[in-house]
Amino acid sequence: MSYLEEEIRLLKGLAVNDKQAVEQIYRDNYNTIQAFILNNNGSTDDARDIFQEAMIVLYAKAQSAEFELTSQLKTYIYSVCRRLWLKKLNQMQRYSNGFSDKFEETIPVEEDIEHHEKKDADFALMEAALGKIGEPCKSLLDAYYVQKKHMQQIAVEFGYTNADNAKTQKYKCLMRLKKLFFAQYKNG
């Protein structure tokens, strides 16, 4: 299942209040949001509140037939949380003089969204390059970088005589992937 298909599955699950989909979205995104809130004058309670509000927004969007996710799910959730947190900080500023007047400088939402959208585009190019690389390279790179398997284990699974030969093949595959990626990157 591709990354995009997985995200569509999660959104459909969220729309029908599927417990596993909701838990997966939490697992994949909550720690990033908590770190962001904690790094920007917030508490763990604030992070829980903001994330919950973002989930409500996402739930409503997921139930709408017109909603089309134009970025990765994590980027969407992150940008919603940033906007909610900025709004909350601005509200808190109205009630307290203890906050800086420069929230926009502290949290440049538009720049951050642009940065994440660029990363999403790069990930899409990488996914396309992985689709073109073929076997056994795709499986070998997946085994090493995604599944975090050791070279000795990869050598056994892929039938290489030793870990050094597997490492050499992994390097060749990586160079091929880079070539495919940058060929697309220049044309994109």
N, C-alpha and C. Protein backbone atom coordinates (compact mmCIF):
# COMPACT_ATOMS: atom_id res chain seq x y z
N MET A 1 0.85 -1.18 0.00
CA MET A 1 0.00 0.00 0.00
C MET A 1 0.89 1.24 0.00
N SER A 2 0.65 2.17 -0.93
CA SER A 2 1.46 3.37 -1.01
C SER A 2 1.12 4.33 0.14
N TYR A 3 1.98 5.30 0.30
CA TYR A 3 1.80 6.29 1.35
C TYR A 3 0.48 7.02 1.17
N LEU A 4 0.17 7.39 -0.08
CA LEU A 4 -1.07 8.11 -0.37
C LEU A 4 -2.29 7.24 -0.07
N GLU A 5 -2.24 5.98 -0.46
CA GLU A 5 -3.35 5.06 -0.19
C GLU A 5 -3.56 4.89 1.32
N GLU A 6 -2.47 4.83 2.05
CA GLU A 6 -2.55 4.70 3.52
C GLU A 6 -3.22 5.93 4.12
N GLU A 7 -2.87 7.12 3.64
CA GLU A 7 -3.47 8.34 4.17
C GLU A 7 -4.95 8.42 3.84
N ILE A 8 -5.31 8.00 2.64
CA ILE A 8 -6.74 7.99 2.26
C ILE A 8 -7.50 7.01 3.15
N ARG A 9 -6.88 5.85 3.42
CA ARG A 9 -7.50 4.86 4.31
C ARG A 9 -7.71 5.45 5.70
N LEU A 10 -6.70 6.18 6.21
CA LEU A 10 -6.82 6.79 7.54
C LEU A 10 -7.93 7.84 7.57
N LEU A 11 -8.01 8.67 6.52
CA LEU A 11 -9.06 9.69 6.47
C LEU A 11 -10.45 9.06 6.41
N LYS A 12 -10.59 8.02 5.60
CA LYS A 12 -11.89 7.34 5.52
C LYS A 12 -12.24 6.70 6.86
N GLY A 13 -11.23 6.14 7.52
CA GLY A 13 -11.44 5.56 8.84
C GLY A 13 -11.86 6.60 9.85
N LEU A 14 -11.21 7.75 9.80
CA LEU A 14 -11.56 8.85 10.70
C LEU A 14 -13.00 9.30 10.45
N ALA A 15 -13.38 9.38 9.19
CA ALA A 15 -14.73 9.85 8.83
C ALA A 15 -15.81 8.96 9.42
N VAL A 16 -15.53 7.66 9.57
CA VAL A 16 -16.52 6.75 10.15
C VAL A 16 -16.19 6.43 11.61
N ASN A 17 -15.27 7.20 12.18
CA ASN A 17 -14.89 7.09 13.58
C ASN A 17 -14.29 5.72 13.91
N ASP A 18 -13.48 5.19 12.99
CA ASP A 18 -12.80 3.92 13.19
C ASP A 18 -11.68 4.11 14.22
N LYS A 19 -11.77 3.36 15.30
CA LYS A 19 -10.85 3.52 16.43
C LYS A 19 -9.39 3.33 16.00
N GLN A 20 -9.11 2.33 15.17
CA GLN A 20 -7.74 2.07 14.74
C GLN A 20 -7.18 3.22 13.92
N ALA A 21 -7.98 3.79 13.03
CA ALA A 21 -7.53 4.92 12.21
C ALA A 21 -7.24 6.13 13.08
N VAL A 22 -8.13 6.41 14.03
CA VAL A 22 -7.94 7.55 14.94
C VAL A 22 -6.66 7.37 15.75
N GLU A 23 -6.46 6.17 16.28
CA GLU A 23 -5.26 5.90 17.08
C GLU A 23 -4.00 6.01 16.24
N GLN A 24 -4.06 5.57 14.99
CA GLN A 24 -2.90 5.66 14.10
C GLN A 24 -2.54 7.12 13.82
N ILE A 25 -3.55 7.95 13.59
CA ILE A 25 -3.32 9.37 13.35
C ILE A 25 -2.68 10.00 14.59
N TYR A 26 -3.17 9.65 15.77
CA TYR A 26 -2.57 10.14 17.01
C TYR A 26 -1.11 9.71 17.12
N ARG A 27 -0.87 8.41 16.93
CA ARG A 27 0.49 7.88 17.05
C ARG A 27 1.46 8.56 16.09
N ASP A 28 1.01 8.79 14.86
CA ASP A 28 1.87 9.34 13.83
C ASP A 28 2.13 10.84 13.99
N ASN A 29 1.26 11.55 14.71
CA ASN A 29 1.34 13.02 14.69
C ASN A 29 1.44 13.71 16.04
N TYR A 30 0.95 13.10 17.11
CA TYR A 30 0.85 13.82 18.38
C TYR A 30 2.20 14.30 18.91
N ASN A 31 3.23 13.46 18.86
CA ASN A 31 4.52 13.86 19.44
C ASN A 31 5.10 15.09 18.76
N THR A 32 4.93 15.20 17.45
CA THR A 32 5.41 16.37 16.72
C THR A 32 4.69 17.63 17.19
N ILE A 33 3.39 17.52 17.34
CA ILE A 33 2.58 18.67 17.77
C ILE A 33 2.93 19.05 19.21
N GLN A 34 3.08 18.05 20.07
CA GLN A 34 3.44 18.34 21.46
C GLN A 34 4.78 19.06 21.53
N ALA A 35 5.76 18.60 20.76
CA ALA A 35 7.08 19.23 20.75
C ALA A 35 6.96 20.68 20.28
N PHE A 36 6.16 20.90 19.24
CA PHE A 36 5.97 22.26 18.73
C PHE A 36 5.36 23.17 19.79
N ILE A 37 4.30 22.71 20.44
CA ILE A 37 3.62 23.52 21.46
C ILE A 37 4.55 23.79 22.64
N LEU A 38 5.26 22.77 23.11
CA LEU A 38 6.19 22.94 24.23
C LEU A 38 7.31 23.91 23.89
N ASN A 39 7.74 23.91 22.64
CA ASN A 39 8.81 24.82 22.21
C ASN A 39 8.32 26.25 21.97
N ASN A 40 7.02 26.44 22.03
CA ASN A 40 6.44 27.77 21.78
C ASN A 40 5.53 28.21 22.92
N ASN A 41 6.08 28.16 24.12
CA ASN A 41 5.41 28.70 25.32
C ASN A 41 4.15 27.95 25.74
N GLY A 42 4.03 26.68 25.39
CA GLY A 42 2.85 25.93 25.77
C GLY A 42 3.17 24.80 26.74
N SER A 43 2.12 24.15 27.20
CA SER A 43 2.25 23.03 28.13
C SER A 43 1.74 21.75 27.46
N THR A 44 1.90 20.63 28.15
CA THR A 44 1.38 19.38 27.60
C THR A 44 -0.15 19.43 27.52
N ASP A 45 -0.79 20.11 28.47
CA ASP A 45 -2.25 20.28 28.41
C ASP A 45 -2.65 21.08 27.18
N ASP A 46 -1.88 22.15 26.90
CA ASP A 46 -2.14 22.95 25.70
C ASP A 46 -2.02 22.08 24.45
N ALA A 47 -0.97 21.25 24.43
CA ALA A 47 -0.74 20.39 23.26
C ALA A 47 -1.91 19.43 23.07
N ARG A 48 -2.40 18.83 24.15
CA ARG A 48 -3.54 17.93 24.06
C ARG A 48 -4.77 18.67 23.53
N ASP A 49 -5.01 19.87 24.05
CA ASP A 49 -6.18 20.65 23.63
C ASP A 49 -6.09 21.02 22.15
N ILE A 50 -4.94 21.52 21.75
CA ILE A 50 -4.75 21.95 20.36
C ILE A 50 -4.87 20.76 19.41
N PHE A 51 -4.24 19.64 19.78
CA PHE A 51 -4.30 18.46 18.93
C PHE A 51 -5.74 17.97 18.81
N GLN A 52 -6.46 17.98 19.91
CA GLN A 52 -7.86 17.54 19.90
C GLN A 52 -8.70 18.45 19.00
N GLU A 53 -8.46 19.76 19.07
CA GLU A 53 -9.18 20.69 18.20
C GLU A 53 -8.86 20.41 16.74
N ALA A 54 -7.59 20.13 16.45
CA ALA A 54 -7.19 19.83 15.07
C ALA A 54 -7.85 18.54 14.59
N MET A 55 -7.96 17.56 15.48
CA MET A 55 -8.62 16.30 15.12
C MET A 55 -10.10 16.53 14.81
N ILE A 56 -10.72 17.43 15.54
CA ILE A 56 -12.13 17.77 15.28
C ILE A 56 -12.26 18.42 13.90
N VAL A 57 -11.34 19.34 13.59
CA VAL A 57 -11.33 19.98 12.27
C VAL A 57 -11.14 18.92 11.19
N LEU A 58 -10.16 18.05 11.38
CA LEU A 58 -9.87 17.00 10.40
C LEU A 58 -11.06 16.04 10.26
N TYR A 59 -11.69 15.70 11.36
CA TYR A 59 -12.87 14.82 11.35
C TYR A 59 -13.97 15.43 10.50
N ALA A 60 -14.23 16.72 10.71
CA ALA A 60 -15.28 17.41 9.93
C ALA A 60 -14.91 17.44 8.45
N LYS A 61 -13.64 17.71 8.17
CA LYS A 61 -13.18 17.74 6.77
C LYS A 61 -13.29 16.35 6.14
N ALA A 62 -12.89 15.32 6.88
CA ALA A 62 -12.90 13.96 6.35
C ALA A 62 -14.32 13.50 6.00
N GLN A 63 -15.32 14.04 6.70
CA GLN A 63 -16.71 13.67 6.43
C GLN A 63 -17.29 14.43 5.23
N SER A 64 -16.61 15.48 4.81
CA SER A 64 -17.08 16.28 3.70
C SER A 64 -16.66 15.65 2.37
N ALA A 65 -17.59 15.51 1.46
CA ALA A 65 -17.30 14.92 0.14
C ALA A 65 -16.39 15.83 -0.68
N GLU A 66 -16.44 17.13 -0.43
CA GLU A 66 -15.65 18.09 -1.20
C GLU A 66 -14.18 18.16 -0.74
N PHE A 67 -13.88 17.65 0.44
CA PHE A 67 -12.53 17.77 0.98
C PHE A 67 -11.54 16.93 0.18
N GLU A 68 -10.47 17.58 -0.25
CA GLU A 68 -9.39 16.88 -0.94
C GLU A 68 -8.09 17.27 -0.26
N LEU A 69 -7.38 16.29 0.25
CA LEU A 69 -6.11 16.51 0.93
C LEU A 69 -5.05 16.85 -0.12
N THR A 70 -4.49 18.06 -0.04
CA THR A 70 -3.51 18.49 -1.05
C THR A 70 -2.08 18.42 -0.55
N SER A 71 -1.90 17.94 0.66
CA SER A 71 -0.56 17.76 1.22
C SER A 71 -0.59 16.45 2.01
N GLN A 72 0.54 16.10 2.58
CA GLN A 72 0.55 14.92 3.43
C GLN A 72 -0.31 15.20 4.66
N LEU A 73 -0.87 14.17 5.21
CA LEU A 73 -1.74 14.30 6.38
C LEU A 73 -1.01 14.98 7.53
N LYS A 74 0.24 14.58 7.78
CA LYS A 74 1.00 15.18 8.87
C LYS A 74 1.21 16.67 8.65
N THR A 75 1.40 17.09 7.40
CA THR A 75 1.57 18.51 7.10
C THR A 75 0.28 19.27 7.37
N TYR A 76 -0.83 18.67 6.98
CA TYR A 76 -2.14 19.30 7.20
C TYR A 76 -2.40 19.47 8.70
N ILE A 77 -2.20 18.40 9.45
CA ILE A 77 -2.43 18.46 10.90
C ILE A 77 -1.51 19.48 11.55
N TYR A 78 -0.25 19.48 11.15
CA TYR A 78 0.74 20.40 11.72
C TYR A 78 0.32 21.85 11.44
N SER A 79 -0.09 22.14 10.20
CA SER A 79 -0.46 23.52 9.88
C SER A 79 -1.73 23.95 10.62
N VAL A 80 -2.69 23.03 10.76
CA VAL A 80 -3.90 23.36 11.53
C VAL A 80 -3.53 23.65 12.98
N CYS A 81 -2.68 22.82 13.56
CA CYS A 81 -2.26 23.02 14.96
C CYS A 81 -1.50 24.33 15.13
N ARG A 82 -0.64 24.65 14.17
CA ARG A 82 0.11 25.92 14.24
C ARG A 82 -0.85 27.11 14.23
N ARG A 83 -1.81 27.05 13.32
CA ARG A 83 -2.78 28.16 13.24
C ARG A 83 -3.60 28.27 14.52
N LEU A 84 -4.04 27.13 15.05
CA LEU A 84 -4.81 27.15 16.30
C LEU A 84 -3.97 27.69 17.45
N TRP A 85 -2.69 27.28 17.52
CA TRP A 85 -1.82 27.74 18.59
C TRP A 85 -1.54 29.23 18.45
N LEU A 86 -1.30 29.69 17.23
CA LEU A 86 -1.07 31.12 17.01
C LEU A 86 -2.28 31.92 17.46
N LYS A 87 -3.46 31.43 17.10
CA LYS A 87 -4.71 32.10 17.51
C LYS A 87 -4.82 32.15 19.03
N LYS A 88 -4.49 31.03 19.69
CA LYS A 88 -4.57 30.99 21.15
C LYS A 88 -3.55 31.94 21.78
N LEU A 89 -2.33 31.97 21.23
CA LEU A 89 -1.31 32.88 21.76
C LEU A 89 -1.75 34.34 21.59
N ASN A 90 -2.34 34.64 20.46
CA ASN A 90 -2.83 36.01 20.23
C ASN A 90 -3.94 36.37 21.21
N GLN A 91 -4.82 35.41 21.51
CA GLN A 91 -5.88 35.65 22.49
C GLN A 91 -5.28 35.86 23.87
N MET A 92 -4.29 35.06 24.20
CA MET A 92 -3.64 35.20 25.52
C MET A 92 -2.93 36.54 25.62
N GLN A 93 -2.41 37.04 24.51
CA GLN A 93 -1.71 38.32 24.51
C GLN A 93 -2.69 39.45 24.84
N ARG A 94 -3.92 39.32 24.39
CA ARG A 94 -4.91 40.36 24.67
C ARG A 94 -5.20 40.47 26.17
N TYR A 95 -5.07 39.33 26.88
CA TYR A 95 -5.38 39.31 28.30
C TYR A 95 -4.16 39.48 29.19
N SER A 96 -2.99 39.46 28.59
CA SER A 96 -1.78 39.56 29.39
C SER A 96 -0.72 40.36 28.64
N ASN A 97 -0.05 41.23 29.36
CA ASN A 97 1.02 42.01 28.75
C ASN A 97 2.35 41.26 28.80
N GLY A 98 2.36 40.09 29.38
CA GLY A 98 3.59 39.33 29.56
C GLY A 98 4.07 38.62 28.30
N PHE A 99 3.29 38.67 27.23
CA PHE A 99 3.69 37.98 26.00
C PHE A 99 4.31 38.96 25.00
N SER A 100 5.14 38.44 24.17
CA SER A 100 5.80 39.23 23.14
C SER A 100 4.79 39.69 22.10
N ASP A 101 5.06 40.84 21.50
CA ASP A 101 4.21 41.36 20.43
C ASP A 101 4.57 40.73 19.09
N LYS A 102 5.54 39.86 19.08
CA LYS A 102 6.07 39.35 17.82
C LYS A 102 5.72 37.88 17.59
N PHE A 103 4.47 37.48 17.81
CA PHE A 103 4.08 36.09 17.60
C PHE A 103 4.27 35.68 16.15
N GLU A 104 3.98 36.61 15.23
CA GLU A 104 4.11 36.30 13.81
C GLU A 104 5.56 35.94 13.48
N GLU A 105 6.52 36.61 14.13
CA GLU A 105 7.93 36.29 13.90
C GLU A 105 8.31 34.97 14.55
N THR A 106 7.73 34.68 15.70
CA THR A 106 8.03 33.44 16.41
C THR A 106 7.50 32.24 15.66
N ILE A 107 6.32 32.38 15.06
CA ILE A 107 5.68 31.26 14.40
C ILE A 107 5.27 31.69 12.97
N PRO A 108 6.20 31.64 12.02
CA PRO A 108 5.87 32.04 10.65
C PRO A 108 5.10 30.93 9.93
N VAL A 109 3.80 30.93 10.09
CA VAL A 109 2.96 29.83 9.61
C VAL A 109 3.10 29.62 8.11
N GLU A 110 3.00 30.69 7.31
CA GLU A 110 3.03 30.53 5.87
C GLU A 110 4.37 29.95 5.41
N GLU A 111 5.47 30.46 5.98
CA GLU A 111 6.79 29.94 5.60
C GLU A 111 6.89 28.46 5.97
N ASP A 112 6.37 28.10 7.11
CA ASP A 112 6.45 26.71 7.55
C ASP A 112 5.63 25.81 6.65
N ILE A 113 4.46 26.26 6.25
CA ILE A 113 3.62 25.46 5.35
C ILE A 113 4.33 25.29 4.02
N GLU A 114 4.94 26.38 3.51
CA GLU A 114 5.70 26.28 2.26
C GLU A 114 6.82 25.25 2.39
N HIS A 115 7.52 25.30 3.50
CA HIS A 115 8.62 24.37 3.75
C HIS A 115 8.10 22.92 3.75
N HIS A 116 6.99 22.69 4.43
CA HIS A 116 6.42 21.34 4.49
C HIS A 116 5.89 20.90 3.13
N GLU A 117 5.29 21.83 2.37
CA GLU A 117 4.81 21.47 1.05
C GLU A 117 5.96 21.11 0.13
N LYS A 118 7.09 21.82 0.26
CA LYS A 118 8.29 21.49 -0.53
C LYS A 118 8.78 20.10 -0.16
N LYS A 119 8.81 19.81 1.16
CA LYS A 119 9.22 18.48 1.59
C LYS A 119 8.28 17.41 1.06
N ASP A 120 6.97 17.70 1.08
CA ASP A 120 5.99 16.76 0.54
C ASP A 120 6.25 16.49 -0.93
N ALA A 121 6.55 17.56 -1.68
CA ALA A 121 6.84 17.39 -3.11
C ALA A 121 8.09 16.54 -3.30
N ASP A 122 9.12 16.79 -2.48
CA ASP A 122 10.35 16.00 -2.55
C ASP A 122 10.07 14.53 -2.21
N PHE A 123 9.24 14.29 -1.19
CA PHE A 123 8.89 12.92 -0.83
C PHE A 123 8.14 12.24 -1.97
N ALA A 124 7.27 12.99 -2.64
CA ALA A 124 6.53 12.42 -3.77
C ALA A 124 7.50 12.04 -4.90
N LEU A 125 8.49 12.91 -5.14
CA LEU A 125 9.51 12.59 -6.16
C LEU A 125 10.30 11.35 -5.75
N MET A 126 10.63 11.27 -4.47
CA MET A 126 11.39 10.11 -3.99
C MET A 126 10.56 8.84 -4.12
N GLU A 127 9.28 8.94 -3.81
CA GLU A 127 8.40 7.77 -3.94
C GLU A 127 8.31 7.34 -5.40
N ALA A 128 8.25 8.31 -6.32
CA ALA A 128 8.21 7.99 -7.75
C ALA A 128 9.52 7.33 -8.17
N ALA A 129 10.64 7.86 -7.69
CA ALA A 129 11.96 7.28 -8.01
C ALA A 129 12.04 5.86 -7.47
N LEU A 130 11.53 5.64 -6.28
CA LEU A 130 11.53 4.28 -5.70
C LEU A 130 10.68 3.33 -6.55
N GLY A 131 9.62 3.86 -7.13
CA GLY A 131 8.77 3.05 -7.99
C GLY A 131 9.47 2.65 -9.27
N LYS A 132 10.42 3.48 -9.72
CA LYS A 132 11.13 3.20 -10.97
C LYS A 132 12.39 2.37 -10.77
N ILE A 133 12.87 2.29 -9.55
CA ILE A 133 14.17 1.66 -9.33
C ILE A 133 14.15 0.15 -9.55
N GLY A 134 13.01 -0.47 -9.32
CA GLY A 134 12.89 -1.91 -9.57
C GLY A 134 13.48 -2.76 -8.46
N GLU A 135 13.33 -4.06 -8.66
CA GLU A 135 13.83 -5.04 -7.70
C GLU A 135 15.19 -5.54 -8.15
N PRO A 136 16.06 -5.96 -7.28
CA PRO A 136 15.92 -6.09 -5.84
C PRO A 136 16.23 -4.80 -5.08
N CYS A 137 16.60 -3.74 -5.84
CA CYS A 137 17.02 -2.50 -5.17
C CYS A 137 15.96 -1.94 -4.23
N LYS A 138 14.72 -1.91 -4.69
CA LYS A 138 13.65 -1.35 -3.86
C LYS A 138 13.53 -2.10 -2.54
N SER A 139 13.51 -3.42 -2.61
CA SER A 139 13.39 -4.23 -1.39
C SER A 139 14.63 -4.12 -0.51
N LEU A 140 15.80 -4.05 -1.14
CA LEU A 140 17.04 -3.95 -0.37
C LEU A 140 17.10 -2.63 0.40
N LEU A 141 16.78 -1.53 -0.28
CA LEU A 141 16.79 -0.21 0.39
C LEU A 141 15.72 -0.15 1.48
N ASP A 142 14.56 -0.74 1.21
CA ASP A 142 13.50 -0.80 2.21
C ASP A 142 13.96 -1.59 3.44
N ALA A 143 14.61 -2.73 3.19
CA ALA A 143 15.09 -3.56 4.31
C ALA A 143 16.08 -2.80 5.17
N TYR A 144 16.95 -2.03 4.55
CA TYR A 144 18.00 -1.33 5.30
C TYR A 144 17.48 -0.04 5.96
N TYR A 145 16.83 0.81 5.18
CA TYR A 145 16.46 2.14 5.68
C TYR A 145 15.12 2.18 6.43
N VAL A 146 14.16 1.37 6.01
CA VAL A 146 12.84 1.41 6.64
C VAL A 146 12.73 0.36 7.75
N GLN A 147 13.12 -0.88 7.42
CA GLN A 147 13.00 -1.95 8.39
C GLN A 147 14.19 -2.01 9.34
N LYS A 148 15.23 -1.23 9.05
CA LYS A 148 16.43 -1.11 9.91
C LYS A 148 17.13 -2.45 10.14
N LYS A 149 17.17 -3.26 9.10
CA LYS A 149 17.84 -4.56 9.22
C LYS A 149 19.35 -4.38 9.08
N HIS A 150 20.11 -5.28 9.71
CA HIS A 150 21.57 -5.25 9.62
C HIS A 150 22.02 -5.87 8.31
N MET A 151 23.20 -5.49 7.86
CA MET A 151 23.73 -5.98 6.58
C MET A 151 23.84 -7.51 6.55
N GLN A 152 24.22 -8.11 7.65
CA GLN A 152 24.34 -9.57 7.69
C GLN A 152 23.00 -10.22 7.42
N GLN A 153 21.96 -9.69 8.05
CA GLN A 153 20.61 -10.21 7.87
C GLN A 153 20.15 -10.01 6.41
N ILE A 154 20.47 -8.85 5.83
CA ILE A 154 20.10 -8.56 4.44
C ILE A 154 20.84 -9.52 3.51
N ALA A 155 22.12 -9.77 3.78
CA ALA A 155 22.91 -10.69 2.95
C ALA A 155 22.25 -12.06 2.90
N VAL A 156 21.81 -12.54 4.05
CA VAL A 156 21.16 -13.86 4.11
C VAL A 156 19.84 -13.83 3.33
N GLU A 157 19.01 -12.82 3.59
CA GLU A 157 17.69 -12.74 2.95
C GLU A 157 17.76 -12.59 1.44
N PHE A 158 18.77 -11.85 0.96
CA PHE A 158 18.86 -11.57 -0.47
C PHE A 158 19.83 -12.50 -1.21
N GLY A 159 20.47 -13.41 -0.47
CA GLY A 159 21.34 -14.39 -1.10
C GLY A 159 22.73 -13.91 -1.46
N TYR A 160 23.20 -12.84 -0.79
CA TYR A 160 24.57 -12.38 -1.03
C TYR A 160 25.52 -13.24 -0.21
N THR A 161 26.77 -13.36 -0.69
CA THR A 161 27.72 -14.24 -0.02
C THR A 161 28.13 -13.72 1.36
N ASN A 162 28.14 -12.38 1.53
CA ASN A 162 28.48 -11.82 2.84
C ASN A 162 27.91 -10.40 2.97
N ALA A 163 28.09 -9.82 4.16
CA ALA A 163 27.55 -8.49 4.45
C ALA A 163 28.21 -7.42 3.59
N ASP A 164 29.49 -7.59 3.27
CA ASP A 164 30.19 -6.60 2.43
C ASP A 164 29.59 -6.54 1.02
N ASN A 165 29.26 -7.70 0.46
CA ASN A 165 28.63 -7.72 -0.86
C ASN A 165 27.25 -7.06 -0.82
N ALA A 166 26.52 -7.31 0.24
CA ALA A 166 25.20 -6.68 0.41
C ALA A 166 25.36 -5.17 0.52
N LYS A 167 26.38 -4.75 1.25
CA LYS A 167 26.64 -3.31 1.44
C LYS A 167 26.99 -2.66 0.10
N THR A 168 27.81 -3.34 -0.71
CA THR A 168 28.18 -2.83 -2.03
C THR A 168 26.94 -2.69 -2.90
N GLN A 169 26.08 -3.71 -2.88
CA GLN A 169 24.86 -3.66 -3.68
C GLN A 169 23.93 -2.55 -3.20
N LYS A 170 23.84 -2.36 -1.89
CA LYS A 170 23.01 -1.29 -1.33
C LYS A 170 23.52 0.06 -1.82
N TYR A 171 24.85 0.23 -1.85
CA TYR A 171 25.45 1.48 -2.31
C TYR A 171 25.10 1.72 -3.78
N LYS A 172 25.21 0.68 -4.61
CA LYS A 172 24.89 0.81 -6.03
C LYS A 172 23.41 1.18 -6.22
N CYS A 173 22.56 0.55 -5.43
CA CYS A 173 21.13 0.85 -5.50
C CYS A 173 20.86 2.30 -5.08
N LEU A 174 21.53 2.73 -4.04
CA LEU A 174 21.36 4.09 -3.54
C LEU A 174 21.80 5.10 -4.60
N MET A 175 22.91 4.84 -5.27
CA MET A 175 23.39 5.73 -6.32
C MET A 175 22.38 5.77 -7.48
N ARG A 176 21.81 4.62 -7.82
CA ARG A 176 20.80 4.56 -8.87
C ARG A 176 19.56 5.36 -8.47
N LEU A 177 19.16 5.21 -7.21
CA LEU A 177 17.99 5.95 -6.72
C LEU A 177 18.25 7.46 -6.76
N LYS A 178 19.44 7.86 -6.33
CA LYS A 178 19.78 9.30 -6.37
C LYS A 178 19.73 9.82 -7.80
N LYS A 179 20.25 9.04 -8.73
CA LYS A 179 20.26 9.45 -10.14
C LYS A 179 18.82 9.63 -10.64
N LEU A 180 17.95 8.66 -10.34
CA LEU A 180 16.54 8.76 -10.74
C LEU A 180 15.85 9.96 -10.08
N PHE A 181 16.11 10.15 -8.79
CA PHE A 181 15.49 11.24 -8.04
C PHE A 181 15.89 12.59 -8.63
N PHE A 182 17.20 12.78 -8.83
CA PHE A 182 17.66 14.10 -9.29
C PHE A 182 17.30 14.36 -10.75
N ALA A 183 17.15 13.29 -11.54
CA ALA A 183 16.67 13.47 -12.92
C ALA A 183 15.24 14.02 -12.89
N GLN A 184 14.40 13.49 -12.01
CA GLN A 184 13.03 13.99 -11.85
C GLN A 184 13.02 15.38 -11.25
N TYR A 185 13.92 15.61 -10.28
CA TYR A 185 13.96 16.88 -9.56
C TYR A 185 14.28 18.02 -10.51
N LYS A 186 15.22 17.78 -11.43
CA LYS A 186 15.59 18.82 -12.42
C LYS A 186 14.48 19.07 -13.41
N ASN A 187 13.72 18.04 -13.74
CA ASN A 187 12.64 18.18 -14.70
C ASN A 187 11.35 18.73 -14.08
N GLY A 188 11.27 18.70 -12.72
CA GLY A 188 10.04 19.10 -12.03
C GLY A 188 9.90 20.54 -11.79
